Amino acid sequence: MIRFLQPWWLLAVLPVLAVAGAYVWRQFRRRSYAVRFTNVDLLRTLAPKGLGWRRHVAAAAFLLSLLTLATAMARPSVDTEEPLERATIMLAIDVSLSMEAGDVEPSRIEAAQEAAKEFVAELPETYNLGLVAFAKSANVLVPPTKDRPAVIQAIDGLTLAEATATGEAVFTCLEAIRSVPADGAQGIPPARIVLLSDGYRTSGRSMEEAAAMAQSANVPVSTIAFGTDSGEVEIGGHRQRVPVDRLALAELAETTQGFFYEAASVTELKQVYEDMGSSIGHRTEPREVTQWYAGVALLLALSAAAMSLLWTSRLP
């Protein structure tokens, strides 16, 4: 179906219609003069044989070329369906104060940032990727997008805060996944959550609740534990041990059919998305066809010129 991106330019058709009307009026006026001359035999003698219907063909082609050009000014377009990849991965990174521990060089948080950036670099470009940071609460820093530099920039800008709301991170990721436009596809997109943390939840909803919600949404959560049992960090002027809660992270991954890792590498992280598949939705986009209108107008104008030169030895 043809529609026009700038329909007000269709007003340019009016002058063309005026020219067409003038041509028709001129033909009737010429016929009225012919009728006044009643001596038909003498008229045939004085005037050479006319072109008949052929003289109207060149004029019609010329007028059609003008009409097509006038229509092209309104930028005609047709609707086309563009495929849209909906598969989505949410990265959730723990930014609690315990992630400052140096038992993983140079620190847990820096190791997590480097692993996350390597993962972003390896992720297929067609996938959506979002970023959530969590401490006492969980916040979407980058909603699902294909803009990889935006995610990298957000990872580099992570800052630490008190508490650890691991369960809230999962809930926040699920909300972000639901926000991905359907674009003609059914249901939420195929999705995975990759959660990088050192474990122990101290705030927000429980990890059991989060696991149940992710399981019902059919969104696997892969967890990556950063740190060792001997990790320490200084909080409020006091040294505190911050061991890793491997059990809770492993249970979250197992319950949701995800993967659990104690140390992350790009090769291991690829398992998170290799089994994802994809969901192709469609987005309707206007495709401008002005050049086709201009091409038809050019052909009509050339045809009018050729016929006029052939039959009258002049241009219309």
Protein backbone atom coordinates (compact mmCIF):
# COMPACT_ATOMS: atom_id res chain seq x y z
CA MET A 1 0.00 0.00 0.00
CA ILE A 2 1.34 3.40 -1.02
CA ARG A 3 1.39 6.16 1.57
CA PHE A 4 3.04 9.57 1.54
CA LEU A 5 5.57 10.82 4.09
CA GLN A 6 4.84 14.47 3.25
CA PRO A 7 1.25 14.41 1.92
CA TRP A 8 0.89 18.21 1.80
CA TRP A 9 3.15 18.19 -1.26
CA LEU A 10 0.28 16.53 -3.14
CA LEU A 11 -0.97 20.08 -3.64
CA ALA A 12 1.61 20.21 -6.43
CA VAL A 13 -0.80 18.04 -8.42
CA LEU A 14 -3.24 20.97 -8.72
CA PRO A 15 -1.18 23.00 -11.26
CA VAL A 16 -0.75 19.86 -13.37
CA LEU A 17 -4.51 19.29 -13.36
CA ALA A 18 -4.95 22.92 -14.36
CA VAL A 19 -2.65 22.41 -17.34
CA ALA A 20 -4.56 19.25 -18.29
CA GLY A 21 -7.85 21.16 -18.06
CA ALA A 22 -6.45 23.94 -20.23
CA TYR A 23 -5.39 21.39 -22.85
CA VAL A 24 -8.87 19.82 -22.96
CA TRP A 25 -10.48 23.26 -23.16
CA ARG A 26 -8.13 24.19 -26.00
CA GLN A 27 -9.14 21.08 -27.96
CA PHE A 28 -12.84 21.86 -27.65
CA ARG A 29 -12.17 25.47 -28.64
CA ARG A 30 -10.29 24.32 -31.74
CA ARG A 31 -13.19 22.04 -32.68
CA SER A 32 -15.63 24.94 -32.40
CA TYR A 33 -13.58 26.95 -34.89
CA ALA A 34 -13.58 24.02 -37.27
CA VAL A 35 -17.36 23.76 -37.09
CA ARG A 36 -17.73 27.45 -38.07
CA PHE A 37 -15.91 26.74 -41.33
CA THR A 38 -18.75 24.93 -43.12
CA ASN A 39 -17.04 24.26 -46.47
CA VAL A 40 -15.49 20.95 -45.45
CA ASP A 41 -14.18 20.10 -48.95
CA LEU A 42 -12.32 23.40 -49.17
CA LEU A 43 -10.96 22.89 -45.63
CA ARG A 44 -9.52 19.52 -46.62
CA THR A 45 -7.86 21.17 -49.60
CA LEU A 46 -6.34 24.03 -47.64
CA ALA A 47 -5.18 22.07 -44.52
CA PRO A 48 -2.93 19.04 -44.72
CA LYS A 49 -4.01 15.75 -43.19
CA GLY A 50 -3.81 16.02 -39.38
CA LEU A 51 -2.24 13.68 -36.88
CA GLY A 52 -5.61 12.60 -35.53
CA TRP A 53 -5.50 10.76 -32.21
CA ARG A 54 -1.68 10.67 -32.24
CA ARG A 55 -1.38 14.34 -31.34
CA HIS A 56 -3.06 13.57 -28.00
CA VAL A 57 -0.77 10.67 -27.12
CA ALA A 58 2.37 12.79 -26.75
CA ALA A 59 0.45 15.39 -24.73
CA ALA A 60 -1.00 12.70 -22.45
CA ALA A 61 2.45 11.20 -21.84
CA PHE A 62 3.84 14.65 -21.04
CA LEU A 63 1.00 15.43 -18.62
CA LEU A 64 1.39 12.03 -16.93
CA SER A 65 5.10 12.71 -16.42
CA LEU A 66 4.25 16.02 -14.74
CA LEU A 67 1.62 14.31 -12.58
CA THR A 68 4.08 11.62 -11.51
CA LEU A 69 6.74 14.20 -10.64
CA ALA A 70 4.22 16.19 -8.61
CA THR A 71 3.24 13.04 -6.70
CA ALA A 72 6.89 12.18 -6.07
CA MET A 73 7.28 15.46 -4.17
CA ALA A 74 5.06 13.98 -1.44
CA ARG A 75 7.70 11.24 -0.86
CA PRO A 76 5.66 8.09 -1.58
CA SER A 77 6.58 5.01 0.46
CA VAL A 78 5.52 1.42 1.03
CA ASP A 79 5.44 -0.36 4.39
CA THR A 80 8.00 -3.14 4.77
CA GLU A 81 8.57 -5.55 7.63
CA GLU A 82 12.10 -5.45 9.04
CA PRO A 83 13.24 -8.43 11.18
CA LEU A 84 14.15 -7.51 14.73
CA GLU A 85 16.23 -9.76 17.00
CA ARG A 86 14.70 -9.85 20.50
CA ALA A 87 17.01 -12.26 22.34
CA THR A 88 18.13 -10.49 25.51
CA ILE A 89 20.85 -10.88 28.13
CA MET A 90 20.91 -8.89 31.36
CA LEU A 91 24.19 -8.43 33.21
CA ALA A 92 23.78 -7.90 36.97
CA ILE A 93 26.94 -6.81 38.80
CA ASP A 94 27.33 -6.70 42.57
CA VAL A 95 28.64 -3.29 43.69
CA SER A 96 28.51 -3.92 47.46
CA LEU A 97 31.48 -2.83 49.59
CA SER A 98 32.64 -6.45 49.93
CA MET A 99 33.50 -6.39 46.21
CA GLU A 100 36.44 -4.14 47.09
CA ALA A 101 38.29 -7.11 48.63
CA GLY A 102 41.67 -7.79 47.06
CA ASP A 103 41.70 -11.57 47.30
CA VAL A 104 41.07 -11.59 43.54
CA GLU A 105 43.63 -9.36 41.82
CA PRO A 106 43.45 -6.46 41.48
CA SER A 107 40.11 -6.56 43.37
CA ARG A 108 36.82 -8.44 43.13
CA ILE A 109 35.01 -5.52 41.50
CA GLU A 110 37.77 -4.86 38.96
CA ALA A 111 37.93 -8.55 38.08
CA ALA A 112 34.15 -8.56 37.64
CA GLN A 113 34.33 -5.46 35.43
CA GLU A 114 36.99 -7.00 33.20
CA ALA A 115 35.05 -10.27 32.86
CA ALA A 116 31.88 -8.37 32.07
CA LYS A 117 33.57 -6.27 29.37
CA GLU A 118 35.10 -9.35 27.75
CA PHE A 119 31.65 -10.93 27.77
CA VAL A 120 30.15 -7.83 26.11
CA ALA A 121 32.84 -7.92 23.41
CA GLU A 122 32.10 -11.56 22.59
CA LEU A 123 28.30 -11.34 22.67
CA PRO A 124 26.62 -11.56 19.23
CA GLU A 125 25.77 -8.08 17.98
CA THR A 126 22.17 -9.04 17.20
CA TYR A 127 21.37 -9.68 20.89
CA ASN A 128 19.97 -7.07 23.25
CA LEU A 129 22.12 -6.44 26.31
CA GLY A 130 21.23 -4.60 29.51
CA LEU A 131 23.08 -3.78 32.73
CA VAL A 132 21.89 -3.79 36.36
CA ALA A 133 24.03 -2.77 39.33
CA PHE A 134 22.98 -3.83 42.82
CA ALA A 135 23.98 -3.07 46.40
CA LYS A 136 21.23 -2.16 48.91
CA SER A 137 18.89 -1.90 45.91
CA ALA A 138 19.07 -2.83 42.24
CA ASN A 139 19.04 -0.27 39.43
CA VAL A 140 18.92 -0.58 35.65
CA LEU A 141 21.93 1.36 34.38
CA VAL A 142 21.38 0.41 30.74
CA PRO A 143 18.04 -1.01 29.51
CA PRO A 144 18.19 -3.81 26.89
CA THR A 145 19.93 -2.38 23.84
CA LYS A 146 22.30 -3.21 21.00
CA ASP A 147 24.45 -0.20 21.91
CA ARG A 148 27.56 -1.99 23.24
CA PRO A 149 29.62 1.17 23.95
CA ALA A 150 26.88 2.39 26.31
CA VAL A 151 27.12 -0.83 28.31
CA ILE A 152 30.93 -0.70 28.43
CA GLN A 153 30.82 2.89 29.63
CA ALA A 154 28.36 2.00 32.39
CA ILE A 155 30.52 -0.94 33.52
CA ASP A 156 33.56 1.32 33.77
CA GLY A 157 31.57 3.82 35.83
CA LEU A 158 30.39 1.40 38.55
CA THR A 159 30.74 2.67 42.15
CA LEU A 160 30.45 0.69 45.38
CA ALA A 161 27.78 1.06 48.05
CA GLU A 162 26.58 -0.68 51.22
CA ALA A 163 24.56 -3.94 51.45
CA THR A 164 23.79 -6.67 48.89
CA ALA A 165 20.33 -7.16 47.37
CA THR A 166 20.95 -10.20 45.18
CA GLY A 167 17.29 -11.19 44.97
CA GLU A 168 16.29 -7.66 43.95
CA ALA A 169 18.85 -7.80 41.14
CA VAL A 170 17.05 -10.78 39.61
CA PHE A 171 13.63 -9.13 39.94
CA THR A 172 14.95 -5.93 38.33
CA CYS A 173 16.48 -7.87 35.44
CA LEU A 174 13.18 -9.65 34.82
CA GLU A 175 11.35 -6.33 34.69
CA ALA A 176 13.86 -5.02 32.15
CA ILE A 177 13.43 -8.14 30.00
CA ARG A 178 9.65 -7.66 29.98
CA SER A 179 10.19 -4.13 28.66
CA VAL A 180 11.67 -5.39 25.36
CA PRO A 181 9.12 -4.48 22.61
CA ALA A 182 7.13 -7.40 21.21
CA ASP A 183 7.31 -6.09 17.60
CA GLY A 184 5.00 -8.77 16.30
CA ALA A 185 6.45 -11.68 18.29
CA GLN A 186 4.60 -13.49 21.06
CA GLY A 187 5.46 -13.30 24.77
CA ILE A 188 8.67 -12.14 26.40
CA PRO A 189 11.88 -12.63 24.41
CA PRO A 190 14.25 -15.54 25.06
CA ALA A 191 16.49 -14.21 27.79
CA ARG A 192 19.29 -15.01 30.22
CA ILE A 193 20.56 -13.27 33.33
CA VAL A 194 24.27 -13.28 34.16
CA LEU A 195 24.82 -12.33 37.80
CA LEU A 196 28.34 -11.50 39.03
CA SER A 197 28.62 -11.36 42.82
CA ASP A 198 30.44 -12.49 45.94
CA GLY A 199 27.27 -13.84 47.42
CA TYR A 200 25.75 -13.09 50.79
CA ARG A 201 22.42 -11.28 50.52
CA THR A 202 21.83 -8.64 53.21
CA SER A 203 18.91 -6.66 51.77
CA GLY A 204 15.73 -7.00 49.74
CA ARG A 205 13.75 -10.05 48.71
CA SER A 206 15.23 -13.49 49.16
CA MET A 207 17.13 -15.40 46.52
CA GLU A 208 14.56 -18.21 46.80
CA GLU A 209 11.81 -15.79 45.76
CA ALA A 210 13.96 -14.51 42.93
CA ALA A 211 14.73 -18.03 41.74
CA ALA A 212 11.04 -18.95 41.75
CA MET A 213 10.16 -15.85 39.72
CA ALA A 214 12.93 -16.46 37.18
CA GLN A 215 11.91 -20.10 36.88
CA SER A 216 8.26 -19.20 36.22
CA ALA A 217 9.40 -16.71 33.57
CA ASN A 218 11.64 -19.39 32.00
CA VAL A 219 14.69 -17.15 32.34
CA PRO A 220 17.84 -19.03 33.46
CA VAL A 221 20.15 -17.19 35.83
CA SER A 222 23.86 -17.95 35.51
CA THR A 223 25.88 -16.91 38.53
CA ILE A 224 29.58 -16.15 38.79
CA ALA A 225 31.23 -16.08 42.21
CA PHE A 226 34.14 -13.68 42.66
CA GLY A 227 36.37 -14.07 45.69
CA THR A 228 37.72 -16.59 48.19
CA ASP A 229 36.90 -17.54 51.78
CA SER A 230 39.87 -15.50 53.00
CA GLY A 231 38.71 -12.23 51.49
CA GLU A 232 38.79 -9.15 53.72
CA VAL A 233 37.74 -5.54 53.31
CA GLU A 234 37.87 -2.46 55.49
CA ILE A 235 34.40 -1.09 56.30
CA GLY A 236 33.94 1.78 58.76
CA GLY A 237 37.56 1.59 59.86
CA HIS A 238 37.35 -2.12 60.71
CA ARG A 239 38.70 -5.11 58.82
CA GLN A 240 35.95 -7.60 58.05
CA ARG A 241 36.05 -11.05 56.49
CA VAL A 242 33.88 -11.33 53.39
CA PRO A 243 33.74 -14.99 52.33
CA VAL A 244 31.89 -15.96 49.16
CA ASP A 245 28.41 -17.50 49.43
CA ARG A 246 28.95 -20.16 46.78
CA LEU A 247 26.04 -22.28 47.97
CA ALA A 248 23.42 -19.58 47.47
CA LEU A 249 24.76 -18.62 44.06
CA ALA A 250 24.95 -22.25 42.96
CA GLU A 251 21.38 -22.93 44.12
CA LEU A 252 20.09 -19.89 42.23
CA ALA A 253 21.71 -21.14 39.03
CA GLU A 254 20.58 -24.74 39.51
CA THR A 255 16.96 -23.81 40.27
CA THR A 256 16.68 -21.66 37.14
CA GLN A 257 18.59 -24.05 34.83
CA GLY A 258 21.53 -21.67 34.55
CA PHE A 259 25.28 -22.19 35.06
CA PHE A 260 27.40 -21.59 38.14
CA TYR A 261 31.07 -20.58 37.97
CA GLU A 262 33.64 -19.77 40.61
CA ALA A 263 35.97 -18.14 38.13
CA ALA A 264 34.88 -16.65 34.84
CA SER A 265 36.45 -16.83 31.44
CA VAL A 266 35.09 -15.78 28.09
CA THR A 267 34.91 -19.42 26.99
CA GLU A 268 32.77 -20.34 30.00
CA LEU A 269 30.56 -17.29 29.61
CA LYS A 270 29.74 -18.24 26.02
CA GLN A 271 27.72 -21.16 27.39
CA VAL A 272 25.25 -18.61 28.75
CA TYR A 273 24.06 -17.56 25.28
CA GLU A 274 24.99 -20.51 23.05
CA ASP A 275 21.75 -22.32 23.93
CA MET A 276 19.55 -19.23 23.75
CA GLY A 277 18.21 -19.42 20.23
CA SER A 278 16.50 -16.26 19.13
CA SER A 279 13.14 -14.63 18.72
CA ILE A 280 12.58 -12.72 15.53
CA GLY A 281 9.89 -10.08 15.70
CA HIS A 282 9.10 -7.59 12.99
CA ARG A 283 8.98 -3.82 12.90
CA THR A 284 7.06 -2.01 10.17
CA GLU A 285 9.23 0.59 8.49
CA PRO A 286 8.31 2.92 5.60
CA ARG A 287 10.49 2.39 2.55
CA GLU A 288 10.60 5.46 0.35
CA VAL A 289 10.02 4.83 -3.37
CA THR A 290 10.41 8.39 -4.65
CA GLN A 291 13.16 7.30 -7.03
CA TRP A 292 10.74 4.91 -8.77
CA TYR A 293 8.25 7.72 -9.30
CA ALA A 294 11.01 9.95 -10.66
CA GLY A 295 12.11 7.14 -12.98
CA VAL A 296 8.57 6.62 -14.33
CA ALA A 297 8.21 10.37 -14.84
CA LEU A 298 11.47 10.44 -16.80
CA LEU A 299 10.35 7.56 -19.04
CA LEU A 300 7.02 9.26 -19.72
CA ALA A 301 8.74 12.57 -20.54
CA LEU A 302 11.17 10.83 -22.90
CA SER A 303 8.28 8.99 -24.57
CA ALA A 304 6.40 12.25 -25.02
CA ALA A 305 9.49 13.89 -26.52
CA ALA A 306 10.15 10.97 -28.88
CA MET A 307 6.55 10.84 -30.16
CA SER A 308 6.40 14.60 -30.61
CA LEU A 309 9.68 14.67 -32.56
CA LEU A 310 8.60 11.71 -34.69
CA TRP A 311 5.19 13.12 -35.61
CA THR A 312 5.65 16.89 -35.50
CA SER A 313 9.45 17.46 -35.61
CA ARG A 314 9.27 19.51 -32.43
CA LEU A 315 9.26 18.95 -28.71
CA PRO A 316 5.94 19.09 -26.82
